[in-house]
């Protein structure tokens, strides 16, 4: 039973108990069931804590906050959606740590990291091997980033002109086109920096002409 299911069951029992009449013989039985589920919940919490501790002890570059966010967020989401517990995972805290290190290093962006986590959850394996097999490693090469940004700006002169005329919201659209051209492999922060740089150059050229 997952944490989500345990929580839901305890809430239902509490509601049934509150609706029962004083002295109702069902209350004693419900109390016993609730106590048993509470014990299961404590066991589940301990298992989660042990997994998290294993991740924190295994990471090399990621920090405890990143580990907490990913264990309690994306990982728990997968666990709850599947209706399983953390002991059923096909991978251990070491692989979670390896994944988070790649994210912290900039080798993966968050979207790619989620893809790797979903694959680990579904099939197990090694995070690094999944990244290599699926070609998910993030591109940080400046020349490649320049090429993607330049190509998108050349293909969308009207949108660039709109931005230069003061319609700043269009920048997000241009950014999205660059990320699409990079197939999600580009570092978002680096793309944004290069995009702003090239747009500034376009603005300067326009002022000179």
C-alpha atoms as a PDB file:
ATOM      1  CA  UNK A   1       0.000   0.000   0.000  1.00  0.00           C
ATOM      2  CA  UNK A   2       1.417   3.388  -0.982  1.00  0.00           C
ATOM      3  CA  UNK A   3       1.746   6.414   1.302  1.00  0.00           C
ATOM      4  CA  UNK A   4      -1.091   8.093  -0.580  1.00  0.00           C
ATOM      5  CA  UNK A   5      -3.374   5.092  -0.043  1.00  0.00           C
ATOM      6  CA  UNK A   6      -2.488   4.855   3.644  1.00  0.00           C
ATOM      7  CA  UNK A   7      -3.276   8.535   4.128  1.00  0.00           C
ATOM      8  CA  UNK A   8      -6.592   8.190   2.272  1.00  0.00           C
ATOM      9  CA  UNK A   9      -7.577   5.116   4.313  1.00  0.00           C
ATOM     10  CA  UNK A  10      -6.834   6.861   7.605  1.00  0.00           C
ATOM     11  CA  UNK A  11      -8.939   9.838   6.519  1.00  0.00           C
ATOM     12  CA  UNK A  12     -11.872   7.564   5.630  1.00  0.00           C
ATOM     13  CA  UNK A  13     -11.634   5.759   8.972  1.00  0.00           C
ATOM     14  CA  UNK A  14     -11.553   9.045  10.853  1.00  0.00           C
ATOM     15  CA  UNK A  15     -14.702  10.178   9.025  1.00  0.00           C
ATOM     16  CA  UNK A  16     -16.521   6.887   9.734  1.00  0.00           C
ATOM     17  CA  UNK A  17     -15.551   7.075  13.426  1.00  0.00           C
ATOM     18  CA  UNK A  18     -16.751  10.660  13.737  1.00  0.00           C
ATOM     19  CA  UNK A  19     -20.114   9.698  12.239  1.00  0.00           C
ATOM     20  CA  UNK A  20     -20.596   6.678  14.503  1.00  0.00           C
ATOM     21  CA  UNK A  21     -22.866   7.004  17.522  1.00  0.00           C
ATOM     22  CA  UNK A  22     -21.339   6.978  21.031  1.00  0.00           C
ATOM     23  CA  UNK A  23     -20.815   3.378  22.193  1.00  0.00           C
ATOM     24  CA  UNK A  24     -21.136   2.006  18.673  1.00  0.00           C
ATOM     25  CA  UNK A  25     -19.512  -1.454  18.632  1.00  0.00           C
ATOM     26  CA  UNK A  26     -17.858  -0.610  15.302  1.00  0.00           C
ATOM     27  CA  UNK A  27     -15.714   2.053  16.947  1.00  0.00           C
ATOM     28  CA  UNK A  28     -13.515  -0.495  18.724  1.00  0.00           C
ATOM     29  CA  UNK A  29     -12.909  -2.386  15.501  1.00  0.00           C
ATOM     30  CA  UNK A  30     -12.204   0.832  13.633  1.00  0.00           C
ATOM     31  CA  UNK A  31      -9.722   1.890  16.303  1.00  0.00           C
ATOM     32  CA  UNK A  32      -7.830  -1.382  15.876  1.00  0.00           C
ATOM     33  CA  UNK A  33      -7.782  -1.014  12.082  1.00  0.00           C
ATOM     34  CA  UNK A  34      -6.630   2.597  12.345  1.00  0.00           C
ATOM     35  CA  UNK A  35      -3.843   1.596  14.750  1.00  0.00           C
ATOM     36  CA  UNK A  36      -2.671  -1.088  12.336  1.00  0.00           C
ATOM     37  CA  UNK A  37      -2.668   1.318   9.380  1.00  0.00           C
ATOM     38  CA  UNK A  38      -0.856   3.942  11.437  1.00  0.00           C
ATOM     39  CA  UNK A  39       1.860   1.362  12.116  1.00  0.00           C
ATOM     40  CA  UNK A  40       2.102   0.620   8.383  1.00  0.00           C
ATOM     41  CA  UNK A  41       2.361   4.356   7.754  1.00  0.00           C
ATOM     42  CA  UNK A  42       5.252   4.614  10.229  1.00  0.00           C
ATOM     43  CA  UNK A  43       7.018   1.721   8.500  1.00  0.00           C
ATOM     44  CA  UNK A  44       6.520   3.392   5.114  1.00  0.00           C
ATOM     45  CA  UNK A  45       7.853   6.685   6.459  1.00  0.00           C
ATOM     46  CA  UNK A  46      10.941   4.902   7.780  1.00  0.00           C
ATOM     47  CA  UNK A  47      11.548   3.232   4.413  1.00  0.00           C
ATOM     48  CA  UNK A  48      11.279   6.593   2.665  1.00  0.00           C
ATOM     49  CA  UNK A  49      13.655   8.181   5.165  1.00  0.00           C
ATOM     50  CA  UNK A  50      16.180   5.375   4.642  1.00  0.00           C
ATOM     51  CA  UNK A  51      15.969   5.738   0.855  1.00  0.00           C
ATOM     52  CA  UNK A  52      16.422   9.516   1.093  1.00  0.00           C
ATOM     53  CA  UNK A  53      19.375   9.094   3.450  1.00  0.00           C
ATOM     54  CA  UNK A  54      20.925   6.650   0.979  1.00  0.00           C
ATOM     55  CA  UNK A  55      20.564   9.201  -1.806  1.00  0.00           C
ATOM     56  CA  UNK A  56      22.143  11.997   0.258  1.00  0.00           C
ATOM     57  CA  UNK A  57      25.067   9.766   1.267  1.00  0.00           C
ATOM     58  CA  UNK A  58      25.647   8.733  -2.358  1.00  0.00           C
ATOM     59  CA  UNK A  59      25.471  12.076  -4.191  1.00  0.00           C
ATOM     60  CA  UNK A  60      28.728  13.755  -5.173  1.00  0.00           C
ATOM     61  CA  UNK A  61      27.597  17.103  -6.541  1.00  0.00           C
ATOM     62  CA  UNK A  62      23.873  17.368  -5.852  1.00  0.00           C
ATOM     63  CA  UNK A  63      22.827  18.703  -2.461  1.00  0.00           C
ATOM     64  CA  UNK A  64      20.340  17.479   0.132  1.00  0.00           C
ATOM     65  CA  UNK A  65      17.701  20.006  -0.945  1.00  0.00           C
ATOM     66  CA  UNK A  66      17.735  18.760  -4.542  1.00  0.00           C
ATOM     67  CA  UNK A  67      17.519  15.183  -3.287  1.00  0.00           C
ATOM     68  CA  UNK A  68      14.552  16.029  -1.046  1.00  0.00           C
ATOM     69  CA  UNK A  69      12.746  17.834  -3.863  1.00  0.00           C
ATOM     70  CA  UNK A  70      13.142  14.948  -6.288  1.00  0.00           C
ATOM     71  CA  UNK A  71      12.364  12.152  -3.824  1.00  0.00           C
ATOM     72  CA  UNK A  72       9.256  13.896  -2.469  1.00  0.00           C
ATOM     73  CA  UNK A  73       8.233  15.272  -5.876  1.00  0.00           C
ATOM     74  CA  UNK A  74       8.805  13.328  -9.133  1.00  0.00           C
ATOM     75  CA  UNK A  75       9.672  10.015  -7.471  1.00  0.00           C
ATOM     76  CA  UNK A  76       6.701  10.067  -5.080  1.00  0.00           C
ATOM     77  CA  UNK A  77       4.444  11.039  -7.961  1.00  0.00           C
ATOM     78  CA  UNK A  78       5.469   7.897  -9.854  1.00  0.00           C
ATOM     79  CA  UNK A  79       5.099   5.753  -6.721  1.00  0.00           C
ATOM     80  CA  UNK A  80       1.637   7.075  -5.897  1.00  0.00           C
ATOM     81  CA  UNK A  81       0.380   6.865  -9.478  1.00  0.00           C
ATOM     82  CA  UNK A  82       1.491   3.218  -9.649  1.00  0.00           C
ATOM     83  CA  UNK A  83       0.046   2.449  -6.198  1.00  0.00           C
ATOM     84  CA  UNK A  84       3.242   0.805  -4.957  1.00  0.00           C
ATOM     85  CA  UNK A  85       5.623   1.415  -2.068  1.00  0.00           C
ATOM     86  CA  UNK A  86       9.232   2.529  -2.108  1.00  0.00           C
ATOM     87  CA  UNK A  87      10.477  -1.002  -1.400  1.00  0.00           C
ATOM     88  CA  UNK A  88       9.098  -2.050  -4.798  1.00  0.00           C
ATOM     89  CA  UNK A  89      11.473   0.227  -6.706  1.00  0.00           C
ATOM     90  CA  UNK A  90      13.610  -1.459  -9.365  1.00  0.00           C
ATOM     91  CA  UNK A  91      16.549   0.793  -8.522  1.00  0.00           C
ATOM     92  CA  UNK A  92      18.279   1.903  -5.358  1.00  0.00           C
ATOM     93  CA  UNK A  93      19.276   5.244  -3.857  1.00  0.00           C
ATOM     94  CA  UNK A  94      22.660   5.028  -5.599  1.00  0.00           C
ATOM     95  CA  UNK A  95      21.037   5.332  -9.049  1.00  0.00           C
ATOM     96  CA  UNK A  96      18.810   8.158  -7.838  1.00  0.00           C
ATOM     97  CA  UNK A  97      21.976   9.883  -6.632  1.00  0.00           C
ATOM     98  CA  UNK A  98      23.705   9.315  -9.991  1.00  0.00           C
ATOM     99  CA  UNK A  99      20.720  10.879 -11.758  1.00  0.00           C
ATOM    100  CA  UNK A 100      20.703  13.909  -9.460  1.00  0.00           C
ATOM    101  CA  UNK A 101      24.454  14.378  -9.892  1.00  0.00           C
ATOM    102  CA  UNK A 102      23.980  14.556 -13.667  1.00  0.00           C
ATOM    103  CA  UNK A 103      21.225  17.106 -13.150  1.00  0.00           C
ATOM    104  CA  UNK A 104      23.360  19.173 -10.772  1.00  0.00           C
ATOM    105  CA  UNK A 105      26.342  19.006 -13.130  1.00  0.00           C
ATOM    106  CA  UNK A 106      24.323  20.328 -16.038  1.00  0.00           C
ATOM    107  CA  UNK A 107      24.617  17.066 -17.963  1.00  0.00           C
ATOM    108  CA  UNK A 108      20.815  16.803 -17.879  1.00  0.00           C
ATOM    109  CA  UNK A 109      18.076  19.375 -17.855  1.00  0.00           C
ATOM    110  CA  UNK A 110      14.999  18.759 -15.629  1.00  0.00           C
ATOM    111  CA  UNK A 111      12.865  17.387 -18.482  1.00  0.00           C
ATOM    112  CA  UNK A 112      15.523  14.847 -19.442  1.00  0.00           C
ATOM    113  CA  UNK A 113      16.043  13.922 -15.786  1.00  0.00           C
ATOM    114  CA  UNK A 114      12.331  13.142 -15.479  1.00  0.00           C
ATOM    115  CA  UNK A 115      12.585  10.926 -18.562  1.00  0.00           C
ATOM    116  CA  UNK A 116      15.475   9.014 -17.013  1.00  0.00           C
ATOM    117  CA  UNK A 117      13.633   8.679 -13.694  1.00  0.00           C
ATOM    118  CA  UNK A 118      10.539   7.308 -15.448  1.00  0.00           C
ATOM    119  CA  UNK A 119      12.705   4.741 -17.239  1.00  0.00           C
ATOM    120  CA  UNK A 120      14.413   3.733 -13.986  1.00  0.00           C
ATOM    121  CA  UNK A 121      11.024   3.392 -12.330  1.00  0.00           C
ATOM    122  CA  UNK A 122       9.604   1.277 -15.144  1.00  0.00           C
ATOM    123  CA  UNK A 123      12.585  -0.947 -15.942  1.00  0.00           C
ATOM    124  CA  UNK A 124      15.425  -0.308 -13.506  1.00  0.00           C
ATOM    125  CA  UNK A 125      18.969  -0.176 -14.884  1.00  0.00           C
ATOM    126  CA  UNK A 126      21.684   2.462 -14.756  1.00  0.00           C
ATOM    127  CA  UNK A 127      20.958   6.174 -15.066  1.00  0.00           C
ATOM    128  CA  UNK A 128      24.115   6.849 -17.097  1.00  0.00           C
ATOM    129  CA  UNK A 129      23.300   4.056 -19.540  1.00  0.00           C
ATOM    130  CA  UNK A 130      19.762   5.365 -20.058  1.00  0.00           C
ATOM    131  CA  UNK A 131      21.133   8.857 -20.754  1.00  0.00           C
ATOM    132  CA  UNK A 132      23.572   7.469 -23.318  1.00  0.00           C
ATOM    133  CA  UNK A 133      21.052   5.136 -24.988  1.00  0.00           C
ATOM    134  CA  UNK A 134      18.406   7.832 -25.333  1.00  0.00           C
ATOM    135  CA  UNK A 135      20.862  10.571 -26.229  1.00  0.00           C
ATOM    136  CA  UNK A 136      19.672  12.809 -23.405  1.00  0.00           C
ATOM    137  CA  UNK A 137      22.945  14.447 -22.397  1.00  0.00           C
ATOM    138  CA  UNK A 138      22.545  18.205 -22.357  1.00  0.00           C
ATOM    139  CA  UNK A 139      24.442  20.203 -24.971  1.00  0.00           C
ATOM    140  CA  UNK A 140      26.519  23.031 -23.525  1.00  0.00           C
ATOM    141  CA  UNK A 141      28.851  23.641 -26.485  1.00  0.00           C
ATOM    142  CA  UNK A 142      28.703  27.386 -27.171  1.00  0.00           C
ATOM    143  CA  UNK A 143      29.101  27.050 -30.946  1.00  0.00           C
ATOM    144  CA  UNK A 144      26.209  24.613 -31.165  1.00  0.00           C
ATOM    145  CA  UNK A 145      24.025  26.890 -29.040  1.00  0.00           C
ATOM    146  CA  UNK A 146      24.922  29.861 -31.243  1.00  0.00           C
ATOM    147  CA  UNK A 147      23.992  27.837 -34.322  1.00  0.00           C
ATOM    148  CA  UNK A 148      20.560  26.836 -32.959  1.00  0.00           C
ATOM    149  CA  UNK A 149      19.707  30.381 -31.856  1.00  0.00           C
ATOM    150  CA  UNK A 150      20.929  31.929 -35.090  1.00  0.00           C
ATOM    151  CA  UNK A 151      18.968  29.461 -37.222  1.00  0.00           C
ATOM    152  CA  UNK A 152      15.717  30.081 -35.334  1.00  0.00           C
ATOM    153  CA  UNK A 153      16.124  33.862 -35.559  1.00  0.00           C
ATOM    154  CA  UNK A 154      16.787  33.654 -39.286  1.00  0.00           C
ATOM    155  CA  UNK A 155      13.711  31.482 -39.788  1.00  0.00           C
ATOM    156  CA  UNK A 156      11.480  33.801 -37.714  1.00  0.00           C
ATOM    157  CA  UNK A 157      12.403  37.414 -38.591  1.00  0.00           C
ATOM    158  CA  UNK A 158       8.888  38.708 -37.867  1.00  0.00           C
ATOM    159  CA  UNK A 159       8.890  37.410 -34.300  1.00  0.00           C
ATOM    160  CA  UNK A 160      12.337  38.899 -33.711  1.00  0.00           C
ATOM    161  CA  UNK A 161      11.073  42.230 -35.074  1.00  0.00           C
ATOM    162  CA  UNK A 162       8.032  42.058 -32.755  1.00  0.00           C
ATOM    163  CA  UNK A 163      10.324  41.602 -29.768  1.00  0.00           C
ATOM    164  CA  UNK A 164      12.552  44.474 -30.842  1.00  0.00           C
ATOM    165  CA  UNK A 165       9.470  46.669 -31.191  1.00  0.00           C
ATOM    166  CA  UNK A 166       8.631  46.122 -27.529  1.00  0.00           C
ATOM    167  CA  UNK A 167       6.496  42.970 -27.549  1.00  0.00           C
ATOM    168  CA  UNK A 168       8.643  41.182 -24.980  1.00  0.00           C
ATOM    169  CA  UNK A 169       6.245  38.251 -24.511  1.00  0.00           C
ATOM    170  CA  UNK A 170       7.295  36.867 -27.902  1.00  0.00           C
ATOM    171  CA  UNK A 171      10.724  36.067 -26.432  1.00  0.00           C
ATOM    172  CA  UNK A 172       9.277  32.984 -24.746  1.00  0.00           C
ATOM    173  CA  UNK A 173       7.986  31.752 -28.107  1.00  0.00           C
ATOM    174  CA  UNK A 174      11.398  32.222 -29.746  1.00  0.00           C
ATOM    175  CA  UNK A 175      13.028  30.486 -26.786  1.00  0.00           C
ATOM    176  CA  UNK A 176      10.632  27.564 -27.209  1.00  0.00           C
ATOM    177  CA  UNK A 177      11.555  27.267 -30.881  1.00  0.00           C
ATOM    178  CA  UNK A 178      15.252  27.078 -30.017  1.00  0.00           C
ATOM    179  CA  UNK A 179      14.599  24.372 -27.408  1.00  0.00           C
ATOM    180  CA  UNK A 180      12.527  22.471 -29.970  1.00  0.00           C
ATOM    181  CA  UNK A 181      15.348  22.741 -32.509  1.00  0.00           C
ATOM    182  CA  UNK A 182      17.709  21.378 -29.857  1.00  0.00           C
ATOM    183  CA  UNK A 183      15.212  18.576 -29.133  1.00  0.00           C
ATOM    184  CA  UNK A 184      15.272  19.523 -25.457  1.00  0.00           C
ATOM    185  CA  UNK A 185      18.986  18.816 -25.100  1.00  0.00           C
ATOM    186  CA  UNK A 186      20.142  22.416 -24.729  1.00  0.00           C
ATOM    187  CA  UNK A 187      20.783  24.031 -21.359  1.00  0.00           C
ATOM    188  CA  UNK A 188      17.806  26.414 -20.924  1.00  0.00           C
ATOM    189  CA  UNK A 189      19.821  29.066 -19.086  1.00  0.00           C
ATOM    190  CA  UNK A 190      22.562  28.991 -21.718  1.00  0.00           C
ATOM    191  CA  UNK A 191      19.969  29.222 -24.505  1.00  0.00           C
ATOM    192  CA  UNK A 192      18.311  32.223 -22.870  1.00  0.00           C
ATOM    193  CA  UNK A 193      21.682  33.937 -22.448  1.00  0.00           C
ATOM    194  CA  UNK A 194      22.687  33.323 -26.079  1.00  0.00           C
ATOM    195  CA  UNK A 195      19.268  34.379 -27.351  1.00  0.00           C
ATOM    196  CA  UNK A 196      19.390  37.688 -25.493  1.00  0.00           C
ATOM    197  CA  UNK A 197      22.935  38.234 -26.722  1.00  0.00           C
ATOM    198  CA  UNK A 198      22.022  37.742 -30.369  1.00  0.00           C
ATOM    199  CA  UNK A 199      18.885  39.876 -30.065  1.00  0.00           C
ATOM    200  CA  UNK A 200      20.957  42.662 -28.493  1.00  0.00           C
ATOM    201  CA  UNK A 201      23.311  42.440 -31.446  1.00  0.00           C
ATOM    202  CA  UNK A 202      20.353  42.705 -33.835  1.00  0.00           C
ATOM    203  CA  UNK A 203      19.090  45.768 -31.966  1.00  0.00           C
ATOM    204  CA  UNK A 204      22.507  47.403 -32.176  1.00  0.00           C
ATOM    205  CA  UNK A 205      22.723  46.691 -35.902  1.00  0.00           C
ATOM    206  CA  UNK A 206      19.301  48.275 -36.374  1.00  0.00           C
ATOM    207  CA  UNK A 207      20.331  51.404 -34.514  1.00  0.00           C
ATOM    208  CA  UNK A 208      23.430  51.768 -36.703  1.00  0.00           C
ATOM    209  CA  UNK A 209      21.555  51.375 -39.979  1.00  0.00           C
END
